[in-house]
N, C-alpha and C. Protein backbone atom coordinates (compact mmCIF):
# COMPACT_ATOMS: atom_id res chain seq x y z
N MET A 1 -111.09 1.30 86.05
CA MET A 1 -110.48 1.58 84.93
C MET A 1 -109.33 0.61 84.77
N ALA A 2 -109.07 0.16 83.55
CA ALA A 2 -108.16 -0.98 83.31
C ALA A 2 -106.95 -0.26 82.23
N LYS A 3 -105.97 -0.78 82.07
CA LYS A 3 -105.09 -0.64 81.18
C LYS A 3 -104.38 -1.72 80.46
N THR A 4 -103.86 -1.72 79.30
CA THR A 4 -102.99 -2.79 78.89
C THR A 4 -101.67 -2.92 79.10
N MET A 5 -101.14 -4.10 79.49
CA MET A 5 -99.58 -3.82 79.94
C MET A 5 -98.98 -5.02 79.12
N ALA A 6 -97.82 -4.84 78.66
CA ALA A 6 -97.07 -5.90 78.04
C ALA A 6 -96.22 -6.64 78.90
N VAL A 7 -96.34 -8.17 78.83
CA VAL A 7 -95.61 -8.99 79.62
C VAL A 7 -94.38 -9.26 78.84
N LEU A 8 -93.15 -9.00 79.57
CA LEU A 8 -92.05 -9.30 78.85
C LEU A 8 -91.32 -10.57 79.40
N ASP A 9 -90.62 -11.32 78.62
CA ASP A 9 -89.78 -12.15 78.90
C ASP A 9 -88.44 -12.08 78.11
N ASP A 10 -87.23 -11.83 78.77
CA ASP A 10 -86.09 -11.55 78.29
C ASP A 10 -85.91 -10.51 77.19
N GLY A 11 -86.93 -9.36 77.59
CA GLY A 11 -87.00 -8.19 76.38
C GLY A 11 -88.01 -8.46 75.37
N THR A 12 -88.60 -9.81 75.31
CA THR A 12 -89.64 -9.83 74.21
C THR A 12 -91.02 -9.77 74.70
N VAL A 13 -92.08 -9.24 74.17
CA VAL A 13 -93.25 -9.24 74.47
C VAL A 13 -93.81 -10.62 74.27
N THR A 14 -94.24 -11.32 75.21
CA THR A 14 -94.88 -12.50 75.37
C THR A 14 -96.36 -12.72 75.36
N ASN A 15 -97.06 -11.73 75.88
CA ASN A 15 -98.45 -11.46 76.05
C ASN A 15 -98.83 -10.06 76.50
N MET A 16 -99.99 -9.56 76.15
CA MET A 16 -100.59 -8.50 76.65
C MET A 16 -101.75 -8.89 77.41
N ILE A 17 -101.90 -7.94 78.71
CA ILE A 17 -102.92 -8.50 79.50
C ILE A 17 -103.56 -7.09 79.94
N TRP A 18 -104.70 -7.24 80.50
CA TRP A 18 -105.45 -6.23 81.09
C TRP A 18 -105.19 -5.95 82.56
N CYS A 19 -104.74 -4.90 83.20
CA CYS A 19 -104.43 -4.55 84.55
C CYS A 19 -105.20 -3.49 85.11
N SER A 20 -105.32 -3.36 86.39
CA SER A 20 -105.78 -2.28 87.06
C SER A 20 -104.98 -0.95 86.75
N GLU A 21 -105.32 0.17 86.81
CA GLU A 21 -104.55 1.34 86.69
C GLU A 21 -103.63 1.44 87.63
N ALA A 22 -103.86 0.91 88.94
CA ALA A 22 -102.89 0.68 89.90
C ALA A 22 -101.83 0.04 90.00
N VAL A 23 -101.66 -1.02 89.02
CA VAL A 23 -100.70 -1.90 88.96
C VAL A 23 -99.64 -1.06 88.33
N PRO A 24 -98.44 -1.18 88.94
CA PRO A 24 -97.26 -0.66 88.57
C PRO A 24 -96.25 -1.46 87.42
N GLU A 25 -95.46 -0.68 86.74
CA GLU A 25 -94.53 -1.45 85.93
C GLU A 25 -93.48 -2.00 86.75
N THR A 26 -93.06 -3.14 86.15
CA THR A 26 -92.03 -3.92 86.58
C THR A 26 -90.91 -4.19 85.48
N ASP A 27 -89.86 -5.15 85.91
CA ASP A 27 -88.94 -5.43 84.92
C ASP A 27 -89.56 -6.35 83.91
N SER A 28 -90.73 -6.99 84.18
CA SER A 28 -91.31 -7.96 83.40
C SER A 28 -92.65 -7.58 82.85
N LEU A 29 -93.22 -6.25 83.40
CA LEU A 29 -94.46 -5.76 82.98
C LEU A 29 -94.57 -4.36 82.56
N LYS A 30 -94.51 -4.03 81.42
CA LYS A 30 -94.54 -2.36 80.88
C LYS A 30 -95.60 -2.09 80.34
N ASP A 31 -95.86 -0.75 80.78
CA ASP A 31 -97.14 -0.11 80.14
C ASP A 31 -96.66 0.60 78.60
N PRO A 32 -97.26 0.15 77.66
CA PRO A 32 -97.07 0.69 76.18
C PRO A 32 -97.56 1.95 75.91
N ALA A 33 -98.56 2.44 76.66
CA ALA A 33 -99.30 3.65 76.66
C ALA A 33 -100.20 3.62 75.35
N ASP A 34 -99.84 4.52 74.51
CA ASP A 34 -100.94 4.40 73.20
C ASP A 34 -100.03 3.79 71.89
N ARG A 35 -99.06 3.05 72.21
CA ARG A 35 -98.28 2.35 71.15
C ARG A 35 -99.05 1.13 70.87
N PRO A 36 -99.12 0.68 69.65
CA PRO A 36 -99.87 -0.59 69.26
C PRO A 36 -98.92 -1.84 69.51
N VAL A 37 -98.46 -2.10 70.42
CA VAL A 37 -97.49 -3.14 71.04
C VAL A 37 -97.96 -4.60 70.91
N GLY A 38 -97.29 -5.44 70.25
CA GLY A 38 -98.01 -6.74 70.16
C GLY A 38 -97.02 -7.88 70.44
N ILE A 39 -97.52 -8.81 70.77
CA ILE A 39 -96.63 -10.17 71.11
C ILE A 39 -95.71 -10.33 69.86
N GLY A 40 -94.31 -10.38 70.28
CA GLY A 40 -93.18 -10.71 69.48
C GLY A 40 -92.36 -9.22 69.34
N ASP A 41 -92.88 -8.31 69.60
CA ASP A 41 -92.11 -6.95 69.87
C ASP A 41 -91.09 -7.10 71.00
N THR A 42 -90.16 -6.27 70.82
CA THR A 42 -89.24 -6.40 71.77
C THR A 42 -88.97 -4.76 72.47
N TYR A 43 -88.54 -4.88 73.77
CA TYR A 43 -88.35 -3.86 74.64
C TYR A 43 -86.85 -3.60 75.01
N SER A 44 -86.42 -2.30 75.00
CA SER A 44 -85.11 -2.23 75.27
C SER A 44 -84.69 -0.62 75.64
N GLU A 45 -84.31 -0.48 76.51
CA GLU A 45 -83.86 1.04 77.23
C GLU A 45 -85.08 2.08 76.92
N GLY A 46 -86.23 1.40 77.41
CA GLY A 46 -87.40 2.35 77.59
C GLY A 46 -88.33 2.30 76.46
N LYS A 47 -88.08 1.51 75.25
CA LYS A 47 -88.65 1.64 74.15
C LYS A 47 -89.05 0.44 73.48
N PHE A 48 -90.32 0.42 72.83
CA PHE A 48 -90.70 -0.98 72.17
C PHE A 48 -90.02 -0.49 70.65
N TYR A 49 -89.84 -2.00 69.96
CA TYR A 49 -89.40 -2.10 68.57
C TYR A 49 -90.31 -3.17 67.94
N ARG A 50 -90.31 -2.97 66.55
CA ARG A 50 -90.96 -4.14 66.03
C ARG A 50 -90.08 -4.26 64.74
N ASP A 51 -89.51 -5.45 64.45
CA ASP A 51 -88.44 -5.52 63.27
C ASP A 51 -87.30 -4.47 63.31
N GLY A 52 -86.84 -4.05 64.56
CA GLY A 52 -85.76 -3.14 64.53
C GLY A 52 -86.27 -1.62 64.50
N ALA A 53 -87.51 -1.29 64.35
CA ALA A 53 -87.93 -0.01 64.35
C ALA A 53 -88.97 0.25 65.53
N GLU A 54 -88.59 1.54 66.03
CA GLU A 54 -89.41 1.86 67.33
C GLU A 54 -90.90 1.93 66.87
N VAL A 55 -91.59 1.15 68.06
CA VAL A 55 -93.13 1.14 67.78
C VAL A 55 -93.52 2.58 68.22
N LEU A 56 -94.13 3.35 67.18
CA LEU A 56 -94.61 4.84 67.64
C LEU A 56 -96.08 4.70 68.02
N THR A 57 -96.56 5.89 68.64
CA THR A 57 -98.17 6.05 68.90
C THR A 57 -98.71 6.46 67.46
N PRO A 58 -99.97 6.26 67.16
CA PRO A 58 -100.44 6.78 65.98
C PRO A 58 -100.08 8.30 65.81
N LEU A 59 -100.18 9.32 67.00
CA LEU A 59 -99.71 10.68 66.55
C LEU A 59 -98.16 10.75 66.20
N GLU A 60 -97.27 10.07 66.87
CA GLU A 60 -95.94 10.02 66.33
C GLU A 60 -95.82 9.41 64.98
N ALA A 61 -96.51 8.64 64.66
CA ALA A 61 -96.23 7.79 63.21
C ALA A 61 -96.83 9.00 62.06
N ALA A 62 -97.97 9.73 62.53
CA ALA A 62 -98.57 10.61 61.87
C ALA A 62 -97.59 11.97 61.38
N LEU A 63 -97.03 12.41 62.56
CA LEU A 63 -96.13 13.50 62.51
C LEU A 63 -95.02 13.09 61.76
N ALA A 64 -94.26 11.88 61.88
CA ALA A 64 -93.34 11.46 61.25
C ALA A 64 -93.65 11.34 59.69
N GLU A 65 -94.79 11.03 59.35
CA GLU A 65 -95.30 10.79 57.88
C GLU A 65 -95.42 12.29 57.34
N ILE A 66 -95.86 13.35 57.96
CA ILE A 66 -96.17 14.55 57.56
C ILE A 66 -94.57 14.97 57.38
N ALA A 67 -93.82 14.86 57.99
CA ALA A 67 -92.27 15.32 57.97
C ALA A 67 -91.71 14.83 56.86
N THR A 68 -91.90 13.56 56.45
CA THR A 68 -91.53 12.92 55.20
C THR A 68 -92.20 13.27 53.89
N LEU A 69 -93.52 13.44 54.31
CA LEU A 69 -94.23 14.39 52.90
C LEU A 69 -93.75 15.80 52.60
N ARG A 70 -93.53 16.60 53.57
CA ARG A 70 -92.94 17.94 53.38
C ARG A 70 -91.47 17.73 52.73
N GLN A 71 -90.75 16.98 53.21
CA GLN A 71 -89.51 16.75 52.53
C GLN A 71 -89.81 16.35 51.03
N GLN A 72 -90.47 15.49 50.87
CA GLN A 72 -90.69 15.20 49.37
C GLN A 72 -91.20 16.27 48.79
N ILE A 73 -91.97 17.06 49.14
CA ILE A 73 -92.54 18.16 48.37
C ILE A 73 -91.52 19.04 48.00
N GLY A 74 -90.71 19.40 49.26
CA GLY A 74 -89.60 20.33 49.02
C GLY A 74 -88.87 19.85 47.91
N ASP A 75 -88.34 18.53 47.86
CA ASP A 75 -87.59 18.06 46.77
C ASP A 75 -87.96 18.22 45.52
N LEU A 76 -89.43 17.85 45.19
CA LEU A 76 -90.14 18.05 43.78
C LEU A 76 -90.23 19.60 43.54
N ASP A 77 -90.24 20.44 44.34
CA ASP A 77 -90.53 21.95 44.20
C ASP A 77 -89.08 22.17 43.66
N GLU A 78 -88.03 21.66 44.45
CA GLU A 78 -86.71 22.17 43.69
C GLU A 78 -86.37 21.63 42.52
N ALA A 79 -86.58 20.49 42.40
CA ALA A 79 -86.50 19.91 41.20
C ALA A 79 -87.34 20.60 39.77
N TYR A 80 -88.49 20.88 40.30
CA TYR A 80 -89.29 21.53 39.10
C TYR A 80 -88.77 23.02 38.85
N ARG A 81 -88.33 23.58 39.87
CA ARG A 81 -87.81 24.95 39.64
C ARG A 81 -86.56 25.01 39.09
N GLU A 82 -85.59 23.87 39.19
CA GLU A 82 -84.35 23.85 38.47
C GLU A 82 -84.88 23.37 36.94
N GLY A 83 -85.83 22.71 36.74
CA GLY A 83 -86.05 22.26 35.38
C GLY A 83 -86.63 23.63 34.66
N VAL A 84 -87.59 24.40 35.23
CA VAL A 84 -88.06 25.48 34.69
C VAL A 84 -86.99 26.27 34.46
N ASN A 85 -85.96 26.73 35.22
CA ASN A 85 -84.99 27.59 35.14
C ASN A 85 -84.05 27.35 34.01
N SER A 86 -84.01 25.87 33.76
CA SER A 86 -82.97 25.44 32.52
C SER A 86 -83.59 25.83 31.38
N LEU A 87 -85.01 26.27 31.18
CA LEU A 87 -85.61 26.34 29.84
C LEU A 87 -85.16 27.46 29.06
């Protein structure tokens, strides 16, 4: 079995390569796990970033979107109730 690893140069992803599952992480070779990491992304303090935002797994991104939508629904519901109560 193989896995994708990010090749880092000075904290920047310069290449993505296939490695054996037995290949360990090093300072210049990191496993992005399920994160859609690509060339040009950066790596700092154990996390990958793209344009300053953390690169999330698809599940993490979906959960963040759900949280945002729930907040928006709550805000709309509150605005609706305030509008109805002012009639």
